[in-house]
PDB file of N, CA and C in Angstrom:
ATOM      1  N   MET A   1      22.646  -8.067  -7.456  1.00  0.00           N
ATOM      2  CA  MET A   1      20.959  -7.908  -7.661  1.00  0.00           C
ATOM      3  C   MET A   1      20.610  -6.418  -7.031  1.00  0.00           C
ATOM      4  N   ASN A   2      19.876  -5.849  -7.670  1.00  0.00           N
ATOM      5  CA  ASN A   2      19.545  -4.605  -7.147  1.00  0.00           C
ATOM      6  C   ASN A   2      17.945  -4.741  -6.562  1.00  0.00           C
ATOM      7  N   ASP A   3      17.914  -4.606  -5.288  1.00  0.00           N
ATOM      8  CA  ASP A   3      16.909  -4.549  -4.356  1.00  0.00           C
ATOM      9  C   ASP A   3      16.093  -3.501  -4.245  1.00  0.00           C
ATOM     10  N   ALA A   4      16.539  -2.436  -4.531  1.00  0.00           N
ATOM     11  CA  ALA A   4      15.865  -1.105  -4.654  1.00  0.00           C
ATOM     12  C   ALA A   4      14.674  -0.973  -5.799  1.00  0.00           C
ATOM     13  N   ALA A   5      14.799  -1.817  -6.926  1.00  0.00           N
ATOM     14  CA  ALA A   5      13.522  -1.698  -7.696  1.00  0.00           C
ATOM     15  C   ALA A   5      12.393  -2.314  -7.157  1.00  0.00           C
ATOM     16  N   PRO A   6      12.605  -3.476  -6.807  1.00  0.00           N
ATOM     17  CA  PRO A   6      11.378  -4.233  -6.333  1.00  0.00           C
ATOM     18  C   PRO A   6      10.596  -3.269  -5.133  1.00  0.00           C
ATOM     19  N   ALA A   7      11.571  -2.788  -4.135  1.00  0.00           N
ATOM     20  CA  ALA A   7      11.050  -1.877  -3.271  1.00  0.00           C
ATOM     21  C   ALA A   7      10.369  -0.617  -3.667  1.00  0.00           C
ATOM     22  N   ALA A   8      10.880  -0.092  -4.798  1.00  0.00           N
ATOM     23  CA  ALA A   8      10.400   1.188  -5.367  1.00  0.00           C
ATOM     24  C   ALA A   8       8.868   0.871  -6.073  1.00  0.00           C
ATOM     25  N   ARG A   9       8.950  -0.183  -6.540  1.00  0.00           N
ATOM     26  CA  ARG A   9       7.569  -0.797  -7.265  1.00  0.00           C
ATOM     27  C   ARG A   9       6.495  -0.855  -6.184  1.00  0.00           C
ATOM     28  N   GLY A  10       7.184  -1.496  -5.116  1.00  0.00           N
ATOM     29  CA  GLY A  10       6.148  -1.892  -3.931  1.00  0.00           C
ATOM     30  C   GLY A  10       5.508  -0.639  -3.059  1.00  0.00           C
ATOM     31  N   ASP A  11       6.421   0.554  -2.852  1.00  0.00           N
ATOM     32  CA  ASP A  11       6.300   1.659  -2.285  1.00  0.00           C
ATOM     33  C   ASP A  11       5.189   2.727  -3.337  1.00  0.00           C
ATOM     34  N   ALA A  12       5.640   2.369  -4.706  1.00  0.00           N
ATOM     35  CA  ALA A  12       4.680   3.390  -5.705  1.00  0.00           C
ATOM     36  C   ALA A  12       3.195   2.412  -5.447  1.00  0.00           C
ATOM     37  N   LEU A  13       3.408   1.222  -5.324  1.00  0.00           N
ATOM     38  CA  LEU A  13       1.711   0.508  -5.291  1.00  0.00           C
ATOM     39  C   LEU A  13       0.969   0.954  -4.021  1.00  0.00           C
ATOM     40  N   LEU A  14       1.844   1.174  -2.921  1.00  0.00           N
ATOM     41  CA  LEU A  14       1.236   1.538  -1.500  1.00  0.00           C
ATOM     42  C   LEU A  14       0.839   2.978  -1.658  1.00  0.00           C
ATOM     43  N   GLN A  15       1.665   3.520  -2.269  1.00  0.00           N
ATOM     44  CA  GLN A  15       1.216   5.198  -2.455  1.00  0.00           C
ATOM     45  C   GLN A  15      -0.127   5.384  -3.295  1.00  0.00           C
ATOM     46  N   GLN A  16      -0.148   4.464  -4.198  1.00  0.00           N
ATOM     47  CA  GLN A  16      -1.521   4.896  -5.153  1.00  0.00           C
ATOM     48  C   GLN A  16      -2.546   4.229  -4.439  1.00  0.00           C
ATOM     49  N   ALA A  17      -2.428   3.264  -3.653  1.00  0.00           N
ATOM     50  CA  ALA A  17      -3.347   2.912  -2.690  1.00  0.00           C
ATOM     51  C   ALA A  17      -3.996   3.901  -1.738  1.00  0.00           C
ATOM     52  N   ILE A  18      -3.163   4.368  -0.978  1.00  0.00           N
ATOM     53  CA  ILE A  18      -3.240   5.375  -0.026  1.00  0.00           C
ATOM     54  C   ILE A  18      -3.913   6.439  -0.652  1.00  0.00           C
ATOM     55  N   ALA A  19      -3.352   7.196  -1.814  1.00  0.00           N
ATOM     56  CA  ALA A  19      -4.198   8.040  -2.474  1.00  0.00           C
ATOM     57  C   ALA A  19      -5.607   7.678  -2.874  1.00  0.00           C
ATOM     58  N   SER A  20      -5.558   6.549  -3.418  1.00  0.00           N
ATOM     59  CA  SER A  20      -7.110   6.199  -3.488  1.00  0.00           C
ATOM     60  C   SER A  20      -8.165   6.172  -2.372  1.00  0.00           C
ATOM     61  N   LEU A  21      -7.516   5.845  -1.298  1.00  0.00           N
ATOM     62  CA  LEU A  21      -8.255   5.865  -0.116  1.00  0.00           C
ATOM     63  C   LEU A  21      -8.800   7.192   0.312  1.00  0.00           C
ATOM     64  N   ARG A  22      -7.968   8.150   0.100  1.00  0.00           N
ATOM     65  CA  ARG A  22      -7.853   9.622   0.691  1.00  0.00           C
ATOM     66  C   ARG A  22      -9.028   9.985  -0.471  1.00  0.00           C
ATOM     67  N   HIS A  23      -9.148   9.597  -1.448  1.00  0.00           N
ATOM     68  CA  HIS A  23     -10.160  10.221  -2.504  1.00  0.00           C
ATOM     69  C   HIS A  23     -11.176   9.392  -2.827  1.00  0.00           C
ATOM     70  N   GLY A  24     -11.572   8.524  -1.616  1.00  0.00           N
ATOM     71  CA  GLY A  24     -12.840   7.657  -1.539  1.00  0.00           C
ATOM     72  C   GLY A  24     -13.036   6.378  -2.297  1.00  0.00           C
ATOM     73  N   ASN A  25     -12.219   5.690  -2.438  1.00  0.00           N
ATOM     74  CA  ASN A  25     -12.189   4.427  -3.164  1.00  0.00           C
ATOM     75  C   ASN A  25     -13.401   3.752  -3.033  1.00  0.00           C
ATOM     76  N   PRO A  26     -14.100   3.514  -4.251  1.00  0.00           N
ATOM     77  CA  PRO A  26     -15.535   3.031  -4.110  1.00  0.00           C
ATOM     78  C   PRO A  26     -15.487   1.535  -3.812  1.00  0.00           C
ATOM     79  N   LEU A  27     -14.293   0.738  -3.871  1.00  0.00           N
ATOM     80  CA  LEU A  27     -14.048  -0.365  -3.582  1.00  0.00           C
ATOM     81  C   LEU A  27     -14.324  -0.713  -1.935  1.00  0.00           C
ATOM     82  N   VAL A  28     -14.148   0.241  -1.346  1.00  0.00           N
ATOM     83  CA  VAL A  28     -13.706   0.197   0.094  1.00  0.00           C
ATOM     84  C   VAL A  28     -14.985   0.900   0.742  1.00  0.00           C
ATOM     85  N   ASP A  29     -15.349  -0.027   1.966  1.00  0.00           N
ATOM     86  CA  ASP A  29     -16.225   0.756   2.945  1.00  0.00           C
ATOM     87  C   ASP A  29     -15.580   2.051   3.626  1.00  0.00           C
ATOM     88  N   PRO A  30     -16.253   3.072   3.536  1.00  0.00           N
ATOM     89  CA  PRO A  30     -15.829   4.335   4.075  1.00  0.00           C
ATOM     90  C   PRO A  30     -15.398   4.195   5.553  1.00  0.00           C
ATOM     91  N   ALA A  31     -15.803   3.301   6.238  1.00  0.00           N
ATOM     92  CA  ALA A  31     -15.127   3.346   7.875  1.00  0.00           C
ATOM     93  C   ALA A  31     -13.892   2.556   7.619  1.00  0.00           C
ATOM     94  N   LEU A  32     -13.526   1.958   6.688  1.00  0.00           N
ATOM     95  CA  LEU A  32     -12.043   1.406   6.681  1.00  0.00           C
ATOM     96  C   LEU A  32     -11.253   2.412   5.920  1.00  0.00           C
ATOM     97  N   TYR A  33     -11.546   3.569   5.309  1.00  0.00           N
ATOM     98  CA  TYR A  33     -10.545   4.379   4.805  1.00  0.00           C
ATOM     99  C   TYR A  33      -9.595   4.915   5.827  1.00  0.00           C
ATOM    100  N   GLU A  34      -9.708   5.248   7.001  1.00  0.00           N
ATOM    101  CA  GLU A  34      -8.646   5.753   7.641  1.00  0.00           C
ATOM    102  C   GLU A  34      -7.748   4.752   8.496  1.00  0.00           C
ATOM    103  N   PRO A  35      -8.385   3.383   9.050  1.00  0.00           N
ATOM    104  CA  PRO A  35      -7.267   2.498   9.286  1.00  0.00           C
ATOM    105  C   PRO A  35      -6.537   1.848   8.245  1.00  0.00           C
ATOM    106  N   LEU A  36      -7.132   1.600   7.156  1.00  0.00           N
ATOM    107  CA  LEU A  36      -6.407   1.172   5.787  1.00  0.00           C
ATOM    108  C   LEU A  36      -5.494   2.110   5.524  1.00  0.00           C
ATOM    109  N   THR A  37      -5.566   3.353   5.540  1.00  0.00           N
ATOM    110  CA  THR A  37      -4.718   4.522   5.221  1.00  0.00           C
ATOM    111  C   THR A  37      -3.259   4.417   6.208  1.00  0.00           C
ATOM    112  N   GLU A  38      -3.616   4.362   7.368  1.00  0.00           N
ATOM    113  CA  GLU A  38      -2.807   4.402   8.431  1.00  0.00           C
ATOM    114  C   GLU A  38      -1.716   2.987   8.366  1.00  0.00           C
ATOM    115  N   LEU A  39      -2.485   1.823   8.110  1.00  0.00           N
ATOM    116  CA  LEU A  39      -1.829   0.570   8.012  1.00  0.00           C
ATOM    117  C   LEU A  39      -0.819   0.663   6.834  1.00  0.00           C
ATOM    118  N   LEU A  40      -1.323   1.113   5.561  1.00  0.00           N
ATOM    119  CA  LEU A  40      -0.493   1.150   4.434  1.00  0.00           C
ATOM    120  C   LEU A  40       0.734   2.262   4.526  1.00  0.00           C
ATOM    121  N   GLU A  41       0.451   3.312   5.138  1.00  0.00           N
ATOM    122  CA  GLU A  41       1.619   4.395   5.401  1.00  0.00           C
ATOM    123  C   GLU A  41       2.485   3.752   6.286  1.00  0.00           C
ATOM    124  N   ASP A  42       2.165   2.903   7.432  1.00  0.00           N
ATOM    125  CA  ASP A  42       3.134   2.399   8.217  1.00  0.00           C
ATOM    126  C   ASP A  42       3.854   1.251   7.397  1.00  0.00           C
ATOM    127  N   ALA A  43       3.367   0.650   6.726  1.00  0.00           N
ATOM    128  CA  ALA A  43       3.664  -0.488   5.731  1.00  0.00           C
ATOM    129  C   ALA A  43       4.856   0.054   4.519  1.00  0.00           C
ATOM    130  N   ALA A  44       4.528   1.559   4.119  1.00  0.00           N
ATOM    131  CA  ALA A  44       5.421   2.068   3.034  1.00  0.00           C
ATOM    132  C   ALA A  44       6.664   2.283   3.673  1.00  0.00           C
ATOM    133  N   GLN A  45       6.953   2.556   5.045  1.00  0.00           N
ATOM    134  CA  GLN A  45       8.174   2.763   5.579  1.00  0.00           C
ATOM    135  C   GLN A  45       9.167   1.568   5.506  1.00  0.00           C
ATOM    136  N   GLY A  46       8.534   0.313   5.496  1.00  0.00           N
ATOM    137  CA  GLY A  46       9.089  -0.739   5.705  1.00  0.00           C
ATOM    138  C   GLY A  46       9.416  -1.102   6.882  1.00  0.00           C
ATOM    139  N   ASP A  47      10.224  -2.554   6.803  1.00  0.00           N
ATOM    140  CA  ASP A  47      10.539  -3.002   8.274  1.00  0.00           C
ATOM    141  C   ASP A  47      12.163  -2.152   8.499  1.00  0.00           C
ATOM    142  N   ASP A  48      12.704  -2.874   9.546  1.00  0.00           N
ATOM    143  CA  ASP A  48      13.882  -2.327   9.995  1.00  0.00           C
ATOM    144  C   ASP A  48      15.048  -2.275   8.850  1.00  0.00           C
ATOM    145  N   GLU A  49      14.665  -3.188   7.842  1.00  0.00           N
ATOM    146  CA  GLU A  49      15.766  -3.199   6.903  1.00  0.00           C
ATOM    147  C   GLU A  49      15.274  -2.632   5.740  1.00  0.00           C
ATOM    148  N   GLY A  50      14.042  -1.873   5.598  1.00  0.00           N
ATOM    149  CA  GLY A  50      13.288  -1.154   4.581  1.00  0.00           C
ATOM    150  C   GLY A  50      12.612  -2.120   3.596  1.00  0.00           C
ATOM    151  N   VAL A  51      12.437  -3.475   4.008  1.00  0.00           N
ATOM    152  CA  VAL A  51      11.623  -4.124   3.173  1.00  0.00           C
ATOM    153  C   VAL A  51       9.968  -4.008   3.385  1.00  0.00           C
ATOM    154  N   ILE A  52       9.464  -3.967   2.467  1.00  0.00           N
ATOM    155  CA  ILE A  52       7.961  -3.755   2.349  1.00  0.00           C
ATOM    156  C   ILE A  52       7.245  -5.091   2.478  1.00  0.00           C
ATOM    157  N   SER A  53       6.403  -5.260   3.379  1.00  0.00           N
ATOM    158  CA  SER A  53       5.608  -6.438   3.519  1.00  0.00           C
ATOM    159  C   SER A  53       4.877  -6.775   2.234  1.00  0.00           C
ATOM    160  N   PRO A  54       4.918  -8.282   1.954  1.00  0.00           N
ATOM    161  CA  PRO A  54       4.500  -8.528   0.741  1.00  0.00           C
ATOM    162  C   PRO A  54       2.885  -8.770   0.910  1.00  0.00           C
ATOM    163  N   TYR A  55       2.441  -8.888   2.289  1.00  0.00           N
ATOM    164  CA  TYR A  55       1.168  -8.665   2.502  1.00  0.00           C
ATOM    165  C   TYR A  55       0.436  -7.174   2.430  1.00  0.00           C
ATOM    166  N   ALA A  56       1.106  -6.493   2.910  1.00  0.00           N
ATOM    167  CA  ALA A  56       0.792  -5.001   2.543  1.00  0.00           C
ATOM    168  C   ALA A  56       0.657  -4.880   1.169  1.00  0.00           C
ATOM    169  N   GLU A  57       1.547  -5.427   0.218  1.00  0.00           N
ATOM    170  CA  GLU A  57       1.438  -5.098  -1.302  1.00  0.00           C
ATOM    171  C   GLU A  57       0.254  -5.693  -1.789  1.00  0.00           C
ATOM    172  N   ALA A  58      -0.143  -6.842  -1.169  1.00  0.00           N
ATOM    173  CA  ALA A  58      -1.345  -7.721  -1.818  1.00  0.00           C
ATOM    174  C   ALA A  58      -2.618  -6.866  -1.425  1.00  0.00           C
ATOM    175  N   VAL A  59      -2.553  -6.040  -0.085  1.00  0.00           N
ATOM    176  CA  VAL A  59      -3.677  -5.163   0.272  1.00  0.00           C
ATOM    177  C   VAL A  59      -3.802  -3.945  -0.594  1.00  0.00           C
ATOM    178  N   ALA A  60      -2.639  -3.502  -0.851  1.00  0.00           N
ATOM    179  CA  ALA A  60      -2.842  -2.420  -1.738  1.00  0.00           C
ATOM    180  C   ALA A  60      -3.234  -2.627  -3.261  1.00  0.00           C
ATOM    181  N   ALA A  61      -2.733  -3.913  -3.924  1.00  0.00           N
ATOM    182  CA  ALA A  61      -2.998  -4.307  -5.187  1.00  0.00           C
ATOM    183  C   ALA A  61      -4.535  -4.621  -5.246  1.00  0.00           C
ATOM    184  N   ALA A  62      -5.158  -5.218  -4.073  1.00  0.00           N
ATOM    185  CA  ALA A  62      -6.474  -5.354  -4.106  1.00  0.00           C
ATOM    186  C   ALA A  62      -7.357  -4.220  -4.014  1.00  0.00           C
ATOM    187  N   LEU A  63      -7.100  -2.869  -3.145  1.00  0.00           N
ATOM    188  CA  LEU A  63      -7.554  -1.890  -3.076  1.00  0.00           C
ATOM    189  C   LEU A  63      -7.799  -1.197  -4.527  1.00  0.00           C
ATOM    190  N   LEU A  64      -6.753  -1.545  -5.416  1.00  0.00           N
ATOM    191  CA  LEU A  64      -6.467  -0.854  -6.550  1.00  0.00           C
ATOM    192  C   LEU A  64      -7.489  -1.551  -7.559  1.00  0.00           C
ATOM    193  N   GLY A  65      -7.747  -2.853  -7.425  1.00  0.00           N
ATOM    194  CA  GLY A  65      -8.451  -3.938  -8.272  1.00  0.00           C
ATOM    195  C   GLY A  65      -7.716  -4.536  -9.324  1.00  0.00           C
ATOM    196  N   SER A  66      -6.278  -4.794  -8.551  1.00  0.00           N
ATOM    197  CA  SER A  66      -5.478  -5.414  -9.376  1.00  0.00           C
ATOM    198  C   SER A  66      -5.410  -6.979  -8.836  1.00  0.00           C
ATOM    199  N   PRO A  67      -4.986  -7.826  -9.660  1.00  0.00           N
ATOM    200  CA  PRO A  67      -4.926  -9.229  -9.310  1.00  0.00           C
ATOM    201  C   PRO A  67      -3.826  -9.378  -8.420  1.00  0.00           C
TER     202      PRO A  67
END
């Protein structure tokens, strides 16, 4: 089984959400841009095994207006 594909999708989702925050995501209060960006940047690095948190992916999807 190839675990790299889901990790790559998760990282791409996080990177899109980070970019949206840097460009002024209208779905988010501007006071949250910096803390959410930092949270997602940390999550994009993954844990000790390189696994990206499903909670971080859910936050990223919500920031992008995805279900």
